[in-house]
Amino acid sequence: ITLFLITFFLLFFGAVRVYNWRLLQQKKWLESVVTERTKEINLKNKQIIEQNEKYRKLKEKQLREQIEYKNKQLTIYTLHLIQKNESLKELQLEINKAIRHSDRKDHGDLRHFGSLIDYSFRKDDEWEKFKLYFESVHSGFFENLLQMHPALSPQELRLCALIRLNLSIQETATILGISAESVKTARSRLRKKMDLSSQESLVDHIMKT
């Protein structure tokens, strides 16, 4: 009986040792599998992060290029308006000079040409094209401005857009087809309409819109 008991306990403890050894081996195998899978997941995450970063940089580059292109279009069209209106202004001066030095019978035709030039300054299709280029760069500008100052007229909105482009008074006058003094007067009226204090800058106020 004693021998049997000793043999039984030896077999039992041997079986327990073998069982524990197998558990340990299985644990090591599972740990190696988990480690390998973790490496794979980390590698995939790294690849995804790198791809997302490349995509983000690409989108930023495309956005910068779009903004630069739109700014370039707006600048070119603004310069086109300035040059065109400068030419019209010079032509208008020449017509007025011709009226003063010509016979009365020619005054009608010359005044007609002068009226056509005045009409060209007031044409809305040029403004609509300019507005299209302007809004592609300064999205929401007119909506925000009208929310703050709903009583602004279309002419005042036009003036605000030119101020937002930081154009000089003379450049603004050329585009609008009026004198520099008229621009100063219009800006002064705009300040009053916006109810700005003497310490507030009209340009800064519009730039922040």
C-alpha atoms as a PDB file:
ATOM      1  CA  ILE A   1       0.000   0.000   0.000  1.00  0.00           C
ATOM      2  CA  THR A   2       2.814   2.367   0.937  1.00  0.00           C
ATOM      3  CA  LEU A   3       4.536   1.692  -2.382  1.00  0.00           C
ATOM      4  CA  PHE A   4       1.279   2.232  -4.208  1.00  0.00           C
ATOM      5  CA  LEU A   5       0.673   5.538  -2.417  1.00  0.00           C
ATOM      6  CA  ILE A   6       4.231   6.703  -3.137  1.00  0.00           C
ATOM      7  CA  THR A   7       3.844   5.704  -6.787  1.00  0.00           C
ATOM      8  CA  PHE A   8       0.442   7.455  -6.976  1.00  0.00           C
ATOM      9  CA  PHE A   9       1.760  10.699  -5.506  1.00  0.00           C
ATOM     10  CA  LEU A  10       4.814  10.615  -7.773  1.00  0.00           C
ATOM     11  CA  LEU A  11       2.609  10.117 -10.804  1.00  0.00           C
ATOM     12  CA  PHE A  12       0.230  12.836  -9.599  1.00  0.00           C
ATOM     13  CA  PHE A  13       2.977  15.373  -9.012  1.00  0.00           C
ATOM     14  CA  GLY A  14       4.542  14.358 -12.329  1.00  0.00           C
ATOM     15  CA  ALA A  15       1.252  14.913 -14.110  1.00  0.00           C
ATOM     16  CA  VAL A  16       0.866  18.295 -12.373  1.00  0.00           C
ATOM     17  CA  ARG A  17       4.382  19.279 -13.411  1.00  0.00           C
ATOM     18  CA  VAL A  18       3.732  18.232 -16.999  1.00  0.00           C
ATOM     19  CA  TYR A  19       0.405  20.095 -16.972  1.00  0.00           C
ATOM     20  CA  ASN A  20       2.063  23.242 -15.582  1.00  0.00           C
ATOM     21  CA  TRP A  21       4.868  22.942 -18.136  1.00  0.00           C
ATOM     22  CA  ARG A  22       2.331  22.704 -20.946  1.00  0.00           C
ATOM     23  CA  LEU A  23       0.460  25.714 -19.559  1.00  0.00           C
ATOM     24  CA  LEU A  24       3.729  27.629 -19.424  1.00  0.00           C
ATOM     25  CA  GLN A  25       4.564  26.665 -23.008  1.00  0.00           C
ATOM     26  CA  GLN A  26       1.066  27.635 -24.134  1.00  0.00           C
ATOM     27  CA  LYS A  27       1.395  30.961 -22.303  1.00  0.00           C
ATOM     28  CA  LYS A  28       4.738  31.638 -24.010  1.00  0.00           C
ATOM     29  CA  TRP A  29       3.222  30.769 -27.378  1.00  0.00           C
ATOM     30  CA  LEU A  30       0.257  33.052 -26.784  1.00  0.00           C
ATOM     31  CA  GLU A  31       2.588  35.858 -25.666  1.00  0.00           C
ATOM     32  CA  SER A  32       4.670  35.444 -28.835  1.00  0.00           C
ATOM     33  CA  VAL A  33       1.489  35.514 -30.960  1.00  0.00           C
ATOM     34  CA  VAL A  34       0.250  38.640 -29.138  1.00  0.00           C
ATOM     35  CA  THR A  35       3.670  40.286 -29.519  1.00  0.00           C
ATOM     36  CA  GLU A  36       3.751  39.498 -33.238  1.00  0.00           C
ATOM     37  CA  ARG A  37       0.187  40.723 -33.769  1.00  0.00           C
ATOM     38  CA  THR A  38       0.967  43.880 -31.789  1.00  0.00           C
ATOM     39  CA  LYS A  39       3.962  44.534 -34.038  1.00  0.00           C
ATOM     40  CA  GLU A  40       1.784  44.058 -37.120  1.00  0.00           C
ATOM     41  CA  ILE A  41      -0.913  46.362 -35.751  1.00  0.00           C
ATOM     42  CA  ASN A  42       1.651  49.012 -34.782  1.00  0.00           C
ATOM     43  CA  LEU A  43       3.206  48.779 -38.248  1.00  0.00           C
ATOM     44  CA  LYS A  44      -0.187  49.163 -39.916  1.00  0.00           C
ATOM     45  CA  ASN A  45      -1.057  52.082 -37.626  1.00  0.00           C
ATOM     46  CA  LYS A  46       2.245  53.716 -38.500  1.00  0.00           C
ATOM     47  CA  GLN A  47       1.554  53.241 -42.209  1.00  0.00           C
ATOM     48  CA  ILE A  48      -1.957  54.672 -41.805  1.00  0.00           C
ATOM     49  CA  ILE A  49      -0.598  57.684 -39.885  1.00  0.00           C
ATOM     50  CA  GLU A  50       2.048  58.265 -42.568  1.00  0.00           C
ATOM     51  CA  GLN A  51      -0.564  57.989 -45.329  1.00  0.00           C
ATOM     52  CA  ASN A  52      -2.888  60.387 -43.469  1.00  0.00           C
ATOM     53  CA  GLU A  53      -0.011  62.851 -43.005  1.00  0.00           C
ATOM     54  CA  LYS A  54       0.857  62.661 -46.713  1.00  0.00           C
ATOM     55  CA  TYR A  55      -2.814  63.193 -47.587  1.00  0.00           C
ATOM     56  CA  ARG A  56      -3.072  66.133 -45.168  1.00  0.00           C
ATOM     57  CA  LYS A  57       0.041  67.778 -46.626  1.00  0.00           C
ATOM     58  CA  LEU A  58      -1.245  67.169 -50.145  1.00  0.00           C
ATOM     59  CA  LYS A  59      -4.620  68.751 -49.289  1.00  0.00           C
ATOM     60  CA  GLU A  60      -2.884  71.714 -47.630  1.00  0.00           C
ATOM     61  CA  LYS A  61      -0.702  72.177 -50.709  1.00  0.00           C
ATOM     62  CA  GLN A  62      -3.746  71.988 -53.008  1.00  0.00           C
ATOM     63  CA  LEU A  63      -5.611  74.477 -50.776  1.00  0.00           C
ATOM     64  CA  ARG A  64      -2.658  76.894 -50.800  1.00  0.00           C
ATOM     65  CA  GLU A  65      -2.398  76.606 -54.571  1.00  0.00           C
ATOM     66  CA  GLN A  66      -6.150  77.237 -54.940  1.00  0.00           C
ATOM     67  CA  ILE A  67      -5.958  80.293 -52.670  1.00  0.00           C
ATOM     68  CA  GLU A  68      -2.895  81.603 -54.522  1.00  0.00           C
ATOM     69  CA  TYR A  69      -4.635  81.062 -57.858  1.00  0.00           C
ATOM     70  CA  LYS A  70      -7.813  82.822 -56.712  1.00  0.00           C
ATOM     71  CA  ASN A  71      -5.786  85.692 -55.241  1.00  0.00           C
ATOM     72  CA  LYS A  72      -3.909  85.976 -58.520  1.00  0.00           C
ATOM     73  CA  GLN A  73      -7.183  86.050 -60.484  1.00  0.00           C
ATOM     74  CA  LEU A  74      -8.585  88.737 -58.190  1.00  0.00           C
ATOM     75  CA  THR A  75      -5.404  90.821 -58.444  1.00  0.00           C
ATOM     76  CA  ILE A  76      -5.286  90.514 -62.246  1.00  0.00           C
ATOM     77  CA  TYR A  77      -8.944  91.488 -62.625  1.00  0.00           C
ATOM     78  CA  THR A  78      -8.561  94.412 -60.216  1.00  0.00           C
ATOM     79  CA  LEU A  79      -5.545  95.675 -62.174  1.00  0.00           C
ATOM     80  CA  HIS A  80      -7.540  95.199 -65.374  1.00  0.00           C
ATOM     81  CA  LEU A  81     -10.330  97.396 -63.986  1.00  0.00           C
ATOM     82  CA  ILE A  82      -7.853 100.048 -62.885  1.00  0.00           C
ATOM     83  CA  GLN A  83      -6.073 100.127 -66.265  1.00  0.00           C
ATOM     84  CA  LYS A  84      -9.321 100.085 -68.232  1.00  0.00           C
ATOM     85  CA  ASN A  85     -10.861 102.882 -66.185  1.00  0.00           C
ATOM     86  CA  GLU A  86      -7.667 104.935 -66.325  1.00  0.00           C
ATOM     87  CA  SER A  87      -7.822 104.709 -70.113  1.00  0.00           C
ATOM     88  CA  LEU A  88     -11.510 105.672 -70.083  1.00  0.00           C
ATOM     89  CA  LYS A  89     -10.770 108.592 -67.760  1.00  0.00           C
ATOM     90  CA  GLU A  90      -8.041 109.861 -70.061  1.00  0.00           C
ATOM     91  CA  LEU A  91     -10.382 109.500 -73.025  1.00  0.00           C
ATOM     92  CA  GLN A  92     -13.075 111.377 -71.123  1.00  0.00           C
ATOM     93  CA  LEU A  93     -10.642 114.227 -70.444  1.00  0.00           C
ATOM     94  CA  GLU A  94      -9.713 114.346 -74.122  1.00  0.00           C
ATOM     95  CA  ILE A  95     -13.409 114.462 -75.086  1.00  0.00           C
ATOM     96  CA  ASN A  96     -14.076 117.290 -72.625  1.00  0.00           C
ATOM     97  CA  LYS A  97     -11.073 119.140 -74.022  1.00  0.00           C
ATOM     98  CA  ALA A  98     -12.351 118.567 -77.568  1.00  0.00           C
ATOM     99  CA  ILE A  99     -15.801 119.906 -76.597  1.00  0.00           C
ATOM    100  CA  ARG A 100     -14.211 123.114 -75.351  1.00  0.00           C
ATOM    101  CA  HIS A 101     -12.231 123.598 -78.575  1.00  0.00           C
ATOM    102  CA  SER A 102     -14.664 122.297 -81.202  1.00  0.00           C
ATOM    103  CA  ASP A 103     -17.595 123.760 -83.085  1.00  0.00           C
ATOM    104  CA  ARG A 104     -21.037 123.533 -81.476  1.00  0.00           C
ATOM    105  CA  LYS A 105     -22.264 121.200 -84.199  1.00  0.00           C
ATOM    106  CA  ASP A 106     -19.823 118.534 -82.978  1.00  0.00           C
ATOM    107  CA  HIS A 107     -20.766 118.900 -79.295  1.00  0.00           C
ATOM    108  CA  GLY A 108     -23.667 116.446 -79.520  1.00  0.00           C
ATOM    109  CA  ASP A 109     -21.573 113.559 -80.799  1.00  0.00           C
ATOM    110  CA  LEU A 110     -18.776 114.276 -78.345  1.00  0.00           C
ATOM    111  CA  ARG A 111     -21.205 114.460 -75.415  1.00  0.00           C
ATOM    112  CA  HIS A 112     -22.701 111.168 -76.582  1.00  0.00           C
ATOM    113  CA  PHE A 113     -19.281 109.536 -76.381  1.00  0.00           C
ATOM    114  CA  GLY A 114     -18.810 111.089 -72.941  1.00  0.00           C
ATOM    115  CA  SER A 115     -22.143 109.599 -71.831  1.00  0.00           C
ATOM    116  CA  LEU A 116     -21.062 106.173 -73.065  1.00  0.00           C
ATOM    117  CA  ILE A 117     -17.945 106.432 -70.910  1.00  0.00           C
ATOM    118  CA  ASP A 118     -20.025 107.435 -67.875  1.00  0.00           C
ATOM    119  CA  TYR A 119     -22.266 104.460 -68.524  1.00  0.00           C
ATOM    120  CA  SER A 120     -19.234 102.157 -68.716  1.00  0.00           C
ATOM    121  CA  PHE A 121     -18.186 103.274 -65.229  1.00  0.00           C
ATOM    122  CA  ARG A 122     -21.627 102.390 -63.876  1.00  0.00           C
ATOM    123  CA  LYS A 123     -22.056  99.032 -65.658  1.00  0.00           C
ATOM    124  CA  ASP A 124     -23.036  96.265 -63.259  1.00  0.00           C
ATOM    125  CA  ASP A 125     -21.642  93.348 -65.284  1.00  0.00           C
ATOM    126  CA  GLU A 126     -18.072  94.445 -64.531  1.00  0.00           C
ATOM    127  CA  TRP A 127     -18.948  94.639 -60.832  1.00  0.00           C
ATOM    128  CA  GLU A 128     -20.563  91.193 -60.926  1.00  0.00           C
ATOM    129  CA  LYS A 129     -17.392  89.686 -62.405  1.00  0.00           C
ATOM    130  CA  PHE A 130     -15.286  91.479 -59.819  1.00  0.00           C
ATOM    131  CA  LYS A 131     -17.645  90.315 -57.041  1.00  0.00           C
ATOM    132  CA  LEU A 132     -17.310  86.721 -58.240  1.00  0.00           C
ATOM    133  CA  TYR A 133     -13.511  86.839 -58.031  1.00  0.00           C
ATOM    134  CA  PHE A 134     -13.656  88.718 -54.724  1.00  0.00           C
ATOM    135  CA  GLU A 135     -16.010  86.249 -53.012  1.00  0.00           C
ATOM    136  CA  SER A 136     -13.915  83.272 -54.146  1.00  0.00           C
ATOM    137  CA  VAL A 137     -11.106  84.718 -51.990  1.00  0.00           C
ATOM    138  CA  HIS A 138     -13.073  86.514 -49.246  1.00  0.00           C
ATOM    139  CA  SER A 139     -15.974  84.107 -48.770  1.00  0.00           C
ATOM    140  CA  GLY A 140     -18.858  85.455 -46.658  1.00  0.00           C
ATOM    141  CA  PHE A 141     -17.513  89.020 -46.633  1.00  0.00           C
ATOM    142  CA  PHE A 142     -20.693  90.713 -47.873  1.00  0.00           C
ATOM    143  CA  GLU A 143     -22.989  88.539 -45.734  1.00  0.00           C
ATOM    144  CA  ASN A 144     -21.003  89.318 -42.570  1.00  0.00           C
ATOM    145  CA  LEU A 145     -20.865  93.000 -43.445  1.00  0.00           C
ATOM    146  CA  LEU A 146     -24.614  93.198 -44.002  1.00  0.00           C
ATOM    147  CA  GLN A 147     -25.275  91.390 -40.733  1.00  0.00           C
ATOM    148  CA  MET A 148     -23.344  94.091 -38.883  1.00  0.00           C
ATOM    149  CA  HIS A 149     -24.559  96.973 -41.063  1.00  0.00           C
ATOM    150  CA  PRO A 150     -27.803  95.982 -42.847  1.00  0.00           C
ATOM    151  CA  ALA A 151     -28.422  99.521 -44.175  1.00  0.00           C
ATOM    152  CA  LEU A 152     -25.388  99.551 -46.488  1.00  0.00           C
ATOM    153  CA  SER A 153     -26.201 100.307 -50.128  1.00  0.00           C
ATOM    154  CA  PRO A 154     -24.758  98.374 -53.121  1.00  0.00           C
ATOM    155  CA  GLN A 155     -22.400 101.298 -53.815  1.00  0.00           C
ATOM    156  CA  GLU A 156     -21.188 101.240 -50.203  1.00  0.00           C
ATOM    157  CA  LEU A 157     -20.658  97.479 -50.364  1.00  0.00           C
ATOM    158  CA  ARG A 158     -18.582  98.079 -53.484  1.00  0.00           C
ATOM    159  CA  LEU A 159     -16.489 100.632 -51.631  1.00  0.00           C
ATOM    160  CA  CYS A 160     -16.046  98.242 -48.682  1.00  0.00           C
ATOM    161  CA  ALA A 161     -14.771  95.512 -51.009  1.00  0.00           C
ATOM    162  CA  LEU A 162     -12.160  97.872 -52.471  1.00  0.00           C
ATOM    163  CA  ILE A 163     -11.117  98.934 -48.958  1.00  0.00           C
ATOM    164  CA  ARG A 164     -10.820  95.230 -48.016  1.00  0.00           C
ATOM    165  CA  LEU A 165      -8.325  94.851 -50.878  1.00  0.00           C
ATOM    166  CA  ASN A 166      -6.313  97.666 -49.287  1.00  0.00           C
ATOM    167  CA  LEU A 167      -6.423  99.768 -52.459  1.00  0.00           C
ATOM    168  CA  SER A 168      -5.338 103.379 -52.310  1.00  0.00           C
ATOM    169  CA  ILE A 169      -7.855 106.207 -52.564  1.00  0.00           C
ATOM    170  CA  GLN A 170      -6.670 106.975 -56.094  1.00  0.00           C
ATOM    171  CA  GLU A 171      -6.981 103.319 -57.179  1.00  0.00           C
ATOM    172  CA  THR A 172     -10.454 103.179 -55.643  1.00  0.00           C
ATOM    173  CA  ALA A 173     -11.409 106.374 -57.445  1.00  0.00           C
ATOM    174  CA  THR A 174     -10.197 104.959 -60.760  1.00  0.00           C
ATOM    175  CA  ILE A 175     -12.205 101.754 -60.402  1.00  0.00           C
ATOM    176  CA  LEU A 176     -15.372 103.586 -59.321  1.00  0.00           C
ATOM    177  CA  GLY A 177     -14.930 106.261 -61.994  1.00  0.00           C
ATOM    178  CA  ILE A 178     -15.073 109.145 -59.510  1.00  0.00           C
ATOM    179  CA  SER A 179     -12.591 111.653 -58.113  1.00  0.00           C
ATOM    180  CA  ALA A 180     -10.317 111.013 -55.158  1.00  0.00           C
ATOM    181  CA  GLU A 181     -12.209 113.690 -53.199  1.00  0.00           C
ATOM    182  CA  SER A 182     -15.460 111.848 -53.875  1.00  0.00           C
ATOM    183  CA  VAL A 183     -13.905 108.667 -52.488  1.00  0.00           C
ATOM    184  CA  LYS A 184     -12.853 110.502 -49.324  1.00  0.00           C
ATOM    185  CA  THR A 185     -16.379 111.861 -48.942  1.00  0.00           C
ATOM    186  CA  ALA A 186     -17.878 108.392 -49.497  1.00  0.00           C
ATOM    187  CA  ARG A 187     -15.540 106.896 -46.898  1.00  0.00           C
ATOM    188  CA  SER A 188     -16.486 109.598 -44.400  1.00  0.00           C
ATOM    189  CA  ARG A 189     -20.202 108.873 -44.957  1.00  0.00           C
ATOM    190  CA  LEU A 190     -19.488 105.158 -44.599  1.00  0.00           C
ATOM    191  CA  ARG A 191     -17.848 105.751 -41.208  1.00  0.00           C
ATOM    192  CA  LYS A 192     -20.930 107.601 -39.994  1.00  0.00           C
ATOM    193  CA  LYS A 193     -23.264 104.923 -41.332  1.00  0.00           C
ATOM    194  CA  MET A 194     -21.250 102.251 -39.519  1.00  0.00           C
ATOM    195  CA  ASP A 195     -21.350 104.400 -36.379  1.00  0.00           C
ATOM    196  CA  LEU A 196     -17.583 104.174 -35.839  1.00  0.00           C
ATOM    197  CA  SER A 197     -15.963 106.273 -33.150  1.00  0.00           C
ATOM    198  CA  SER A 198     -13.124 108.655 -33.929  1.00  0.00           C
ATOM    199  CA  GLN A 199     -10.660 106.149 -32.424  1.00  0.00           C
ATOM    200  CA  GLU A 200     -11.839 103.308 -34.692  1.00  0.00           C
ATOM    201  CA  SER A 201     -10.205 102.833 -38.084  1.00  0.00           C
ATOM    202  CA  LEU A 202     -12.540 102.258 -41.023  1.00  0.00           C
ATOM    203  CA  VAL A 203      -9.911 100.114 -42.760  1.00  0.00           C
ATOM    204  CA  ASP A 204      -9.288  97.976 -39.642  1.00  0.00           C
ATOM    205  CA  HIS A 205     -13.017  97.539 -39.084  1.00  0.00           C
ATOM    206  CA  ILE A 206     -13.562  96.291 -42.640  1.00  0.00           C
ATOM    207  CA  MET A 207     -10.391  94.163 -42.613  1.00  0.00           C
ATOM    208  CA  LYS A 208     -11.738  92.258 -39.587  1.00  0.00           C
ATOM    209  CA  THR A 209     -15.005  91.416 -41.367  1.00  0.00           C
END
